[in-house]
């Protein structure tokens, strides 16, 4: 088999076979196919697309390029969720402990952030001592003990994805639904959970900018998951404003803790409850979404959920006293308040602008390898639909970068738009079953 022939075939918009996809991935990972040929192949895929079978063959070959995790010895239903990412998206830190507290096993491999905010691993590392570098055996033992573990992806899980993603980023071929779906699903299927909910974000603060693209991606991933025998569903949620009120690593951890303690409400909690209820229904431990949400709310009220969070932190080497007393988290030396310059209802908040401001304050990365300021970020006091009087506090910024303060203030002010009428904000746009 010759890779040049495979490129030519896809350039002519012909359907590739499983053996051709396997040949491509196997030899690319071995270093026997050069990047310049793979770049041409990715561009052919970008323009001519892959059908469902081709996407399945690609995903399976990517999974087979490395190790998989066998969770069969962990008792109970193993569940996972994946978000396509956004601003203030701390769902994992709320959802995981909630699911563990009702008896489901929340097994998750997460990533770091690159761009306007930190990733789940960065957020957890705001807790002193928290270890995300846990091997397969220890991962399984922690799951057996507490039903929850969140760790970093190992080098041996889907190595093909690391190679392909870097090249896609460098060749402007990131935004192809088959390439996105195979990247996400290969890592999720390799983990070996029983059920998966995909939270596909859409809006100005998300990767997917329009609903039709989000629906297309969601449907493809659900179909792919089912082809692998995985119970898979998706919800499409709005990222027209930051999901949580906190944007920044330790700030987001504190917000998640306060939700688990029953001290805070809002869209972040709502999405965590919605996804949690869906997974409970999928795994047969509840008969309706309403009943499941009631059970999850009960786990917040009786303290079970926050205790699961503390248990996870302790088993992964973190200092659990930070969960009891969030005042222990490091504070920024520069704290500035931003006040409204007009009155009205908040009509919109450009999530991407809030994310960029948070990044510039030190909470996100401009490039891979940048060191984060885990205490930096933004807290929003007003969200869409809230009534604001001139002079009300809109946001608070936290940073060590004095030279970025004025730019962040202006960016945040410009991100807000006001109206004389209250706007409804639809959080869940569609569900894909």
Protein backbone atom coordinates (compact mmCIF):
# COMPACT_ATOMS: atom_id res chain seq x y z
CA UNK A 1 0.00 0.00 0.00
CA UNK A 2 1.26 3.50 -0.85
CA UNK A 3 0.20 6.58 1.10
CA UNK A 4 0.38 8.75 -2.00
CA UNK A 5 -2.36 6.61 -3.52
CA UNK A 6 -4.48 7.15 -0.39
CA UNK A 7 -4.03 10.93 -0.68
CA UNK A 8 -5.00 10.78 -4.35
CA UNK A 9 -8.07 8.70 -3.57
CA UNK A 10 -9.38 11.17 -0.98
CA UNK A 11 -8.47 14.10 -3.27
CA UNK A 12 -10.82 12.51 -5.81
CA UNK A 13 -13.49 12.27 -3.10
CA UNK A 14 -13.50 8.47 -3.02
CA UNK A 15 -14.33 6.45 0.09
CA UNK A 16 -11.37 5.09 2.04
CA UNK A 17 -11.30 1.55 3.43
CA UNK A 18 -10.54 0.47 6.99
CA UNK A 19 -7.21 -1.00 5.91
CA UNK A 20 -6.21 2.30 4.29
CA UNK A 21 -6.98 4.25 7.47
CA UNK A 22 -5.08 1.68 9.53
CA UNK A 23 -2.10 1.93 7.18
CA UNK A 24 -2.12 5.73 7.48
CA UNK A 25 -2.26 5.90 11.29
CA UNK A 26 0.11 3.01 11.95
CA UNK A 27 2.82 4.34 9.65
CA UNK A 28 2.38 7.97 10.68
CA UNK A 29 2.87 7.09 14.35
CA UNK A 30 5.97 5.07 13.41
CA UNK A 31 7.38 8.15 11.68
CA UNK A 32 7.34 6.52 8.24
CA UNK A 33 4.94 9.04 6.67
CA UNK A 34 6.22 12.65 6.63
CA UNK A 35 4.22 15.60 7.92
CA UNK A 36 4.06 17.23 4.49
CA UNK A 37 2.16 14.24 3.07
CA UNK A 38 -0.16 14.09 6.06
CA UNK A 39 -0.80 17.84 5.66
CA UNK A 40 -1.97 17.20 2.08
CA UNK A 41 -4.15 14.33 3.29
CA UNK A 42 -5.75 16.47 6.02
CA UNK A 43 -6.56 19.17 3.49
CA UNK A 44 -8.17 16.58 1.20
CA UNK A 45 -10.29 15.41 4.16
CA UNK A 46 -11.11 19.02 5.02
CA UNK A 47 -12.54 19.73 1.57
CA UNK A 48 -14.04 16.33 0.70
CA UNK A 49 -15.02 15.20 4.19
CA UNK A 50 -15.28 11.67 5.62
CA UNK A 51 -18.47 9.64 5.84
CA UNK A 52 -19.52 7.89 9.06
CA UNK A 53 -17.71 4.65 8.24
CA UNK A 54 -14.49 6.46 7.30
CA UNK A 55 -14.69 8.48 10.52
CA UNK A 56 -15.19 5.26 12.47
CA UNK A 57 -12.17 3.63 10.76
CA UNK A 58 -10.04 6.68 11.55
CA UNK A 59 -11.18 6.77 15.18
CA UNK A 60 -10.58 3.05 15.69
CA UNK A 61 -7.11 3.25 14.13
CA UNK A 62 -6.28 6.15 16.45
CA UNK A 63 -7.43 4.15 19.48
CA UNK A 64 -5.36 1.17 18.34
CA UNK A 65 -2.26 3.40 18.03
CA UNK A 66 -1.75 3.20 21.80
CA UNK A 67 -2.90 1.65 25.03
CA UNK A 68 -6.46 1.49 26.32
CA UNK A 69 -7.67 1.51 29.93
CA UNK A 70 -9.56 -1.55 31.17
CA UNK A 71 -11.98 -0.52 33.93
CA UNK A 72 -13.75 -3.89 34.13
CA UNK A 73 -12.46 -4.62 37.62
CA UNK A 74 -13.97 -1.40 38.96
CA UNK A 75 -17.47 -2.29 40.21
CA UNK A 76 -20.46 -0.24 39.12
CA UNK A 77 -21.35 1.87 36.10
CA UNK A 78 -18.44 3.89 34.76
CA UNK A 79 -19.43 7.26 33.26
CA UNK A 80 -17.71 10.22 31.65
CA UNK A 81 -18.52 13.57 30.11
CA UNK A 82 -16.72 15.74 27.60
CA UNK A 83 -17.11 19.44 26.93
CA UNK A 84 -15.93 21.05 23.71
CA UNK A 85 -14.77 23.95 25.88
CA UNK A 86 -15.68 27.49 26.67
CA UNK A 87 -15.25 30.26 29.21
CA UNK A 88 -15.93 29.58 32.88
CA UNK A 89 -16.74 25.93 32.12
CA UNK A 90 -16.05 24.16 35.43
CA UNK A 91 -18.71 21.46 35.03
CA UNK A 92 -16.33 18.53 35.68
CA UNK A 93 -15.49 19.76 39.19
CA UNK A 94 -19.18 19.94 40.12
CA UNK A 95 -20.49 16.97 38.15
CA UNK A 96 -17.87 14.38 39.16
CA UNK A 97 -18.46 14.52 42.93
CA UNK A 98 -22.24 14.61 42.40
CA UNK A 99 -22.19 11.42 40.31
CA UNK A 100 -19.77 9.66 42.68
CA UNK A 101 -22.07 10.49 45.59
CA UNK A 102 -25.00 8.65 43.93
CA UNK A 103 -22.90 5.53 43.25
CA UNK A 104 -21.79 6.07 39.66
CA UNK A 105 -18.06 5.84 38.89
CA UNK A 106 -16.76 9.08 37.38
CA UNK A 107 -13.57 8.16 35.52
CA UNK A 108 -12.04 11.08 33.65
CA UNK A 109 -8.88 11.91 31.77
CA UNK A 110 -8.68 15.65 31.18
CA UNK A 111 -6.40 18.11 29.47
CA UNK A 112 -4.73 21.43 30.04
CA UNK A 113 -5.98 24.66 28.58
CA UNK A 114 -4.42 26.40 25.62
CA UNK A 115 -5.93 29.75 24.91
CA UNK A 116 -8.20 31.98 26.91
CA UNK A 117 -8.50 29.92 30.12
CA UNK A 118 -6.89 27.01 31.91
CA UNK A 119 -8.08 23.43 31.52
CA UNK A 120 -9.51 21.09 34.16
CA UNK A 121 -6.04 19.89 35.14
CA UNK A 122 -4.82 23.46 35.62
CA UNK A 123 -7.81 24.20 37.83
CA UNK A 124 -7.27 21.15 40.02
CA UNK A 125 -3.59 22.01 40.41
CA UNK A 126 -4.69 25.24 42.12
CA UNK A 127 -5.27 22.91 45.09
CA UNK A 128 -1.80 22.46 46.64
CA UNK A 129 -0.42 18.96 46.18
CA UNK A 130 -3.13 17.73 43.81
CA UNK A 131 -1.54 15.08 41.57
CA UNK A 132 -2.91 14.60 38.06
CA UNK A 133 -0.04 12.33 36.94
CA UNK A 134 -1.49 9.04 38.10
CA UNK A 135 -0.78 5.75 36.32
CA UNK A 136 -3.31 3.15 35.24
CA UNK A 137 -3.07 0.89 38.29
CA UNK A 138 -3.35 3.75 40.80
CA UNK A 139 -6.18 5.26 38.74
CA UNK A 140 -8.16 2.04 39.07
CA UNK A 141 -7.46 1.72 42.81
CA UNK A 142 -8.63 5.29 43.46
CA UNK A 143 -11.82 4.63 41.49
CA UNK A 144 -12.45 1.51 43.57
CA UNK A 145 -12.09 3.51 46.78
CA UNK A 146 -14.06 6.63 45.99
CA UNK A 147 -15.87 6.31 42.62
CA UNK A 148 -14.03 9.36 41.26
CA UNK A 149 -10.66 10.29 39.79
CA UNK A 150 -9.62 13.03 37.36
CA UNK A 151 -6.18 12.57 35.84
CA UNK A 152 -4.07 13.72 32.91
CA UNK A 153 -3.96 11.76 29.67
CA UNK A 154 -0.92 9.51 29.57
CA UNK A 155 1.54 9.57 26.69
CA UNK A 156 0.52 6.06 25.66
CA UNK A 157 -3.19 6.81 25.22
CA UNK A 158 -4.03 7.63 21.58
CA UNK A 159 -0.56 8.93 20.57
CA UNK A 160 -1.88 9.42 17.02
CA UNK A 161 -4.16 12.19 18.25
CA UNK A 162 -1.28 14.21 19.69
CA UNK A 163 0.54 14.07 16.37
CA UNK A 164 -2.51 14.83 14.26
CA UNK A 165 -3.83 17.62 16.45
CA UNK A 166 -0.56 19.53 16.34
CA UNK A 167 -0.49 19.21 12.54
CA UNK A 168 -4.16 20.17 12.15
CA UNK A 169 -3.48 23.28 14.20
CA UNK A 170 -0.56 24.19 11.94
CA UNK A 171 -2.45 23.54 8.68
CA UNK A 172 -5.81 25.25 9.39
CA UNK A 173 -7.67 21.92 9.31
CA UNK A 174 -8.92 21.90 12.89
CA UNK A 175 -12.55 22.74 12.10
CA UNK A 176 -13.64 19.59 10.29
CA UNK A 177 -16.34 17.62 12.12
CA UNK A 178 -14.87 14.18 11.36
CA UNK A 179 -11.42 15.22 12.56
CA UNK A 180 -12.90 16.83 15.67
CA UNK A 181 -15.11 13.81 16.39
CA UNK A 182 -12.31 11.27 15.92
CA UNK A 183 -10.01 13.30 18.19
CA UNK A 184 -12.59 13.50 20.99
CA UNK A 185 -14.08 10.01 20.69
CA UNK A 186 -10.74 8.18 20.33
CA UNK A 187 -9.68 9.38 23.78
CA UNK A 188 -13.07 8.73 25.33
CA UNK A 189 -13.44 5.20 23.92
CA UNK A 190 -9.84 4.36 24.94
CA UNK A 191 -10.81 5.08 28.55
CA UNK A 192 -13.36 2.27 28.65
CA UNK A 193 -16.34 3.88 30.41
CA UNK A 194 -19.90 2.61 29.94
CA UNK A 195 -21.72 5.88 29.23
CA UNK A 196 -20.72 9.25 27.87
CA UNK A 197 -22.46 12.62 27.63
CA UNK A 198 -20.99 15.19 25.25
CA UNK A 199 -21.53 18.85 26.12
CA UNK A 200 -21.13 20.69 22.83
CA UNK A 201 -20.81 24.44 23.36
CA UNK A 202 -21.97 26.91 20.75
CA UNK A 203 -21.63 30.69 20.62
CA UNK A 204 -19.08 33.47 20.61
CA UNK A 205 -17.08 31.92 23.47
CA UNK A 206 -17.02 28.42 21.97
CA UNK A 207 -15.20 26.63 19.17
CA UNK A 208 -18.50 25.98 17.36
CA UNK A 209 -19.98 29.37 16.43
CA UNK A 210 -23.36 28.34 14.99
CA UNK A 211 -26.06 25.88 16.00
CA UNK A 212 -26.15 23.90 12.73
CA UNK A 213 -22.42 23.06 13.02
CA UNK A 214 -22.88 22.08 16.66
CA UNK A 215 -25.81 19.80 15.74
CA UNK A 216 -23.78 18.18 12.94
CA UNK A 217 -20.85 17.49 15.27
CA UNK A 218 -23.10 16.23 18.07
CA UNK A 219 -24.97 13.81 15.84
CA UNK A 220 -21.75 12.45 14.39
CA UNK A 221 -20.21 11.88 17.84
CA UNK A 222 -23.34 10.19 19.17
CA UNK A 223 -23.44 7.88 16.12
CA UNK A 224 -19.73 7.14 16.50
CA UNK A 225 -20.11 6.35 20.19
CA UNK A 226 -22.88 3.90 19.42
CA UNK A 227 -20.80 2.21 16.70
CA UNK A 228 -18.25 1.52 19.42
CA UNK A 229 -20.97 0.09 21.67
CA UNK A 230 -20.85 3.06 24.01
CA UNK A 231 -24.04 4.55 25.45
CA UNK A 232 -23.59 8.10 24.12
CA UNK A 233 -25.76 11.21 24.15
CA UNK A 234 -25.10 14.92 23.60
CA UNK A 235 -26.48 18.23 24.74
CA UNK A 236 -25.84 21.50 22.95
CA UNK A 237 -25.41 24.40 25.36
CA UNK A 238 -24.99 28.13 24.88
CA UNK A 239 -21.65 29.88 25.31
CA UNK A 240 -22.95 33.37 24.53
CA UNK A 241 -21.78 34.36 28.01
CA UNK A 242 -19.32 32.65 30.41
CA UNK A 243 -20.95 29.60 31.97
CA UNK A 244 -19.83 30.27 35.52
CA UNK A 245 -19.36 33.59 37.27
CA UNK A 246 -15.66 32.83 37.85
CA UNK A 247 -13.06 32.73 35.06
CA UNK A 248 -9.60 31.68 36.22
CA UNK A 249 -8.20 28.59 37.88
CA UNK A 250 -8.46 28.94 41.66
CA UNK A 251 -11.50 31.21 41.25
CA UNK A 252 -13.31 28.45 39.33
CA UNK A 253 -12.34 25.82 41.93
CA UNK A 254 -13.76 28.03 44.68
CA UNK A 255 -17.00 28.48 42.71
CA UNK A 256 -17.33 24.71 42.22
CA UNK A 257 -16.75 24.11 45.93
CA UNK A 258 -19.40 26.67 46.84
CA UNK A 259 -21.90 24.97 44.51
CA UNK A 260 -21.15 21.59 46.10
CA UNK A 261 -21.62 23.15 49.54
CA UNK A 262 -25.02 24.51 48.50
CA UNK A 263 -23.85 28.12 48.77
CA UNK A 264 -24.19 29.03 45.10
CA UNK A 265 -26.63 28.67 42.23
CA UNK A 266 -26.47 29.62 38.56
CA UNK A 267 -25.94 28.18 35.09
CA UNK A 268 -22.85 26.19 36.05
CA UNK A 269 -24.84 24.27 38.64
CA UNK A 270 -27.80 23.91 36.25
CA UNK A 271 -25.67 22.27 33.52
CA UNK A 272 -23.96 19.94 36.01
CA UNK A 273 -27.34 18.80 37.31
CA UNK A 274 -28.71 18.36 33.78
CA UNK A 275 -25.76 16.23 32.62
CA UNK A 276 -25.74 14.30 35.90
CA UNK A 277 -29.45 13.50 35.57
CA UNK A 278 -28.95 12.36 31.97
CA UNK A 279 -26.17 9.95 33.00
CA UNK A 280 -28.29 8.61 35.84
CA UNK A 281 -31.11 7.91 33.36
CA UNK A 282 -28.72 6.32 30.87
CA UNK A 283 -27.38 3.97 33.53
CA UNK A 284 -30.82 3.11 34.90
CA UNK A 285 -30.51 4.53 38.41
CA UNK A 286 -33.36 7.00 37.98
CA UNK A 287 -36.70 6.90 36.18
CA UNK A 288 -36.94 10.58 35.18
CA UNK A 289 -34.76 13.64 34.84
CA UNK A 290 -36.79 15.50 37.47
CA UNK A 291 -36.33 12.68 39.99
CA UNK A 292 -32.60 12.47 39.24
CA UNK A 293 -32.09 16.23 39.73
CA UNK A 294 -33.92 16.00 43.04
CA UNK A 295 -31.58 13.20 44.18
CA UNK A 296 -28.51 15.20 43.11
CA UNK A 297 -29.79 18.30 44.90
CA UNK A 298 -30.19 16.12 47.99
CA UNK A 299 -26.53 15.09 47.79
CA UNK A 300 -25.59 18.77 47.87
CA UNK A 301 -27.92 19.46 50.80
CA UNK A 302 -26.69 16.57 52.97
CA UNK A 303 -23.00 17.29 52.31
CA UNK A 304 -22.31 14.04 50.40
CA UNK A 305 -21.21 15.80 47.20
CA UNK A 306 -18.59 18.06 48.78
CA UNK A 307 -17.31 15.14 50.85
CA UNK A 308 -16.70 13.22 47.60
CA UNK A 309 -14.73 16.17 46.30
CA UNK A 310 -12.62 16.19 49.46
CA UNK A 311 -12.12 12.43 49.15
CA UNK A 312 -10.86 12.78 45.58
CA UNK A 313 -8.52 15.62 46.56
CA UNK A 314 -7.05 13.61 49.44
CA UNK A 315 -6.60 10.40 47.40
CA UNK A 316 -4.82 12.40 44.69
CA UNK A 317 -2.44 14.01 47.15
CA UNK A 318 -4.12 17.40 47.53
CA UNK A 319 -4.66 19.43 50.67
CA UNK A 320 -8.33 18.89 51.52
CA UNK A 321 -8.33 21.71 54.08
CA UNK A 322 -8.62 24.09 51.12
CA UNK A 323 -12.07 22.61 50.47
CA UNK A 324 -13.17 23.32 54.04
CA UNK A 325 -11.70 26.83 53.98
CA UNK A 326 -11.49 28.40 50.52
CA UNK A 327 -9.91 31.51 52.03
CA UNK A 328 -6.67 29.49 52.05
CA UNK A 329 -6.36 29.78 48.26
CA UNK A 330 -3.64 32.24 47.23
CA UNK A 331 -4.94 35.72 46.51
CA UNK A 332 -3.70 38.09 43.83
CA UNK A 333 -1.91 41.23 45.00
CA UNK A 334 -3.78 43.39 42.46
CA UNK A 335 -7.58 43.35 42.79
CA UNK A 336 -9.63 45.89 40.85
CA UNK A 337 -13.39 46.44 40.68
CA UNK A 338 -15.15 47.37 37.44
CA UNK A 339 -18.34 49.44 37.67
CA UNK A 340 -21.22 49.93 35.25
CA UNK A 341 -21.27 53.21 33.35
CA UNK A 342 -24.94 52.90 32.37
CA UNK A 343 -28.17 51.37 33.65
CA UNK A 344 -30.29 48.63 32.11
CA UNK A 345 -30.61 44.89 31.82
CA UNK A 346 -27.56 42.95 30.71
CA UNK A 347 -28.35 42.03 27.11
CA UNK A 348 -25.17 40.14 26.23
CA UNK A 349 -21.63 39.41 27.38
CA UNK A 350 -19.01 38.56 24.77
CA UNK A 351 -17.66 35.40 26.40
CA UNK A 352 -14.57 35.28 24.18
CA UNK A 353 -13.60 38.82 25.27
CA UNK A 354 -13.90 37.87 28.93
CA UNK A 355 -11.78 34.79 28.23
CA UNK A 356 -9.08 36.80 26.46
CA UNK A 357 -8.99 39.34 29.31
CA UNK A 358 -8.60 36.50 31.81
CA UNK A 359 -5.77 35.00 29.74
CA UNK A 360 -3.97 38.34 29.55
CA UNK A 361 -4.25 38.71 33.33
CA UNK A 362 -2.34 35.43 33.67
CA UNK A 363 -5.08 32.76 33.92
CA UNK A 364 -4.57 31.30 30.42
CA UNK A 365 -1.77 30.50 28.00
CA UNK A 366 -0.68 32.36 24.88
CA UNK A 367 1.39 29.32 23.90
CA UNK A 368 2.02 25.80 25.14
CA UNK A 369 4.45 25.81 28.03
CA UNK A 370 3.42 29.19 29.47
CA UNK A 371 3.28 29.16 33.28
CA UNK A 372 -0.13 30.12 34.63
CA UNK A 373 -0.89 32.40 37.54
CA UNK A 374 -3.42 30.12 39.21
CA UNK A 375 -4.89 32.94 41.31
CA UNK A 376 -5.48 35.30 38.37
CA UNK A 377 -8.79 35.79 36.64
CA UNK A 378 -12.14 37.57 36.63
CA UNK A 379 -15.30 37.30 38.70
CA UNK A 380 -18.51 38.50 37.05
CA UNK A 381 -21.12 40.01 39.36
CA UNK A 382 -23.72 40.56 36.62
CA UNK A 383 -24.88 38.13 33.90
CA UNK A 384 -27.43 38.20 31.07
CA UNK A 385 -30.88 39.22 32.33
CA UNK A 386 -29.62 40.95 35.48
CA UNK A 387 -30.75 44.51 36.18
CA UNK A 388 -27.82 46.92 36.51
CA UNK A 389 -27.84 50.46 37.88
CA UNK A 390 -25.11 52.91 36.89
CA UNK A 391 -22.28 52.49 39.40
CA UNK A 392 -23.10 48.84 40.20
CA UNK A 393 -20.19 46.44 40.37
CA UNK A 394 -19.92 44.49 37.07
CA UNK A 395 -16.77 42.47 37.64
CA UNK A 396 -13.63 42.06 39.75
CA UNK A 397 -10.23 41.32 38.24
CA UNK A 398 -7.36 39.50 39.95
CA UNK A 399 -3.78 39.62 38.68
CA UNK A 400 -0.10 40.20 39.32
CA UNK A 401 0.30 41.92 35.92
CA UNK A 402 -0.11 45.62 36.56
CA UNK A 403 0.58 46.46 32.91
CA UNK A 404 -2.45 44.35 31.82
CA UNK A 405 -4.98 45.87 34.22
CA UNK A 406 -6.19 48.82 32.14
CA UNK A 407 -6.49 46.77 28.96
CA UNK A 408 -8.49 44.08 30.78
CA UNK A 409 -10.83 46.67 32.31
CA UNK A 410 -11.58 48.20 28.91
CA UNK A 411 -12.06 44.77 27.30
CA UNK A 412 -14.48 43.65 30.01
CA UNK A 413 -16.50 46.88 29.85
CA UNK A 414 -16.74 46.54 26.06
CA UNK A 415 -17.90 42.92 26.41
CA UNK A 416 -21.11 44.02 28.17
CA UNK A 417 -24.15 45.28 26.26
CA UNK A 418 -27.32 46.61 27.89
CA UNK A 419 -31.01 46.85 27.00
CA UNK A 420 -34.08 48.43 28.54
CA UNK A 421 -35.79 45.03 28.39
CA UNK A 422 -34.86 41.82 30.19
CA UNK A 423 -33.41 39.21 27.84
CA UNK A 424 -34.18 35.50 28.21
CA UNK A 425 -31.12 33.29 28.09
CA UNK A 426 -31.63 29.77 26.80
CA UNK A 427 -28.89 27.59 28.26
CA UNK A 428 -29.68 24.19 26.71
CA UNK A 429 -30.37 24.58 23.00
CA UNK A 430 -30.83 20.96 21.90
CA UNK A 431 -30.43 17.38 23.08
CA UNK A 432 -29.12 14.71 20.72
CA UNK A 433 -30.16 11.17 21.64
